[in-house]
Amino acid sequence: DVIVAESLPQTWWPGGLVRLAYVLVVLVTFPLQLFPVSDLVSRGRQGWWSALPRLALVGVLALLAFAFRHRLDHVVSLL
């Protein structure tokens, strides 16, 4: 289990609500976390060529998240 969620109660209130907030925070901050890296990777490219490295980066991270879906805290720590 994720360390943040281990001590929470297993009921919907407040444990489920905190877990839902954790998922939303990770989803909303994902583009902000990747912005500096994607800016460096796509520097100097124009048009569609600038999107290809970003798509590859997101694809690799999505594959990692799927492969380690039971330990997503490790995937989040990579970011």
Protein backbone atom coordinates (compact mmCIF):
# COMPACT_ATOMS: atom_id res chain seq x y z
CA ASP A 1 0.00 0.00 0.00
CA VAL A 2 0.95 3.62 -0.41
CA ILE A 3 2.41 4.98 2.82
CA VAL A 4 0.13 8.02 2.72
CA ALA A 5 -2.98 5.86 2.66
CA GLU A 6 -1.94 3.11 5.09
CA SER A 7 -3.12 4.82 8.27
CA LEU A 8 -6.44 6.00 6.81
CA PRO A 9 -9.67 4.21 7.66
CA GLN A 10 -11.02 1.81 5.04
CA THR A 11 -14.41 3.53 4.97
CA TRP A 12 -15.50 6.02 2.31
CA TRP A 13 -15.42 8.89 4.77
CA PRO A 14 -12.68 10.12 5.25
CA GLY A 15 -10.34 7.42 3.88
CA GLY A 16 -11.89 7.12 0.42
CA LEU A 17 -12.18 10.86 0.06
CA VAL A 18 -8.49 11.36 0.89
CA ARG A 19 -7.51 8.65 -1.61
CA LEU A 20 -9.65 10.30 -4.28
CA ALA A 21 -8.02 13.66 -3.54
CA TYR A 22 -4.58 12.03 -3.82
CA VAL A 23 -5.43 10.62 -7.27
CA LEU A 24 -6.78 13.98 -8.45
CA VAL A 25 -3.68 15.82 -7.23
CA VAL A 26 -1.39 13.42 -9.09
CA LEU A 27 -3.44 13.71 -12.29
CA VAL A 28 -3.62 17.50 -12.18
CA THR A 29 0.04 18.07 -11.35
CA PHE A 30 1.38 15.55 -13.90
CA PRO A 31 1.58 18.11 -16.76
CA LEU A 32 3.24 20.63 -14.44
CA GLN A 33 5.84 18.08 -13.38
CA LEU A 34 6.65 17.17 -16.97
CA PHE A 35 6.77 20.71 -18.34
CA PRO A 36 10.48 21.44 -17.66
CA VAL A 37 11.56 18.09 -19.11
CA SER A 38 9.35 18.34 -22.18
CA ASP A 39 10.53 21.89 -22.76
CA LEU A 40 14.15 20.74 -22.77
CA VAL A 41 13.45 17.72 -24.96
CA SER A 42 11.50 19.65 -27.60
CA ARG A 43 13.77 22.70 -27.70
CA GLY A 44 14.73 23.72 -31.23
CA ARG A 45 12.02 21.73 -32.98
CA GLN A 46 9.07 23.17 -34.87
CA GLY A 47 5.55 21.90 -35.49
CA TRP A 48 4.80 18.20 -35.09
CA TRP A 49 8.45 17.37 -34.49
CA SER A 50 8.26 19.12 -31.13
CA ALA A 51 5.34 16.90 -30.06
CA LEU A 52 7.02 13.56 -30.82
CA PRO A 53 9.50 13.58 -27.90
CA ARG A 54 6.72 14.64 -25.54
CA LEU A 55 4.49 11.82 -26.74
CA ALA A 56 7.33 9.35 -26.31
CA LEU A 57 8.00 10.61 -22.77
CA VAL A 58 4.34 10.34 -21.78
CA GLY A 59 4.12 6.90 -23.42
CA VAL A 60 7.12 5.58 -21.50
CA LEU A 61 5.76 6.93 -18.22
CA ALA A 62 2.33 5.45 -18.96
CA LEU A 63 3.93 2.04 -19.58
CA LEU A 64 5.88 2.33 -16.33
CA ALA A 65 2.71 3.29 -14.46
CA PHE A 66 0.89 0.29 -15.92
CA ALA A 67 3.74 -2.09 -15.17
CA PHE A 68 4.02 -0.85 -11.57
CA ARG A 69 0.32 -0.16 -11.02
CA HIS A 70 0.41 -1.84 -7.63
CA ARG A 71 3.29 0.40 -6.51
CA LEU A 72 2.37 3.77 -8.01
CA ASP A 73 4.17 5.61 -5.22
CA HIS A 74 7.44 4.55 -6.87
CA VAL A 75 6.28 5.84 -10.26
CA VAL A 76 5.25 9.17 -8.72
CA SER A 77 8.65 9.44 -7.05
CA LEU A 78 10.33 9.12 -10.47
CA LEU A 79 8.65 12.34 -11.53
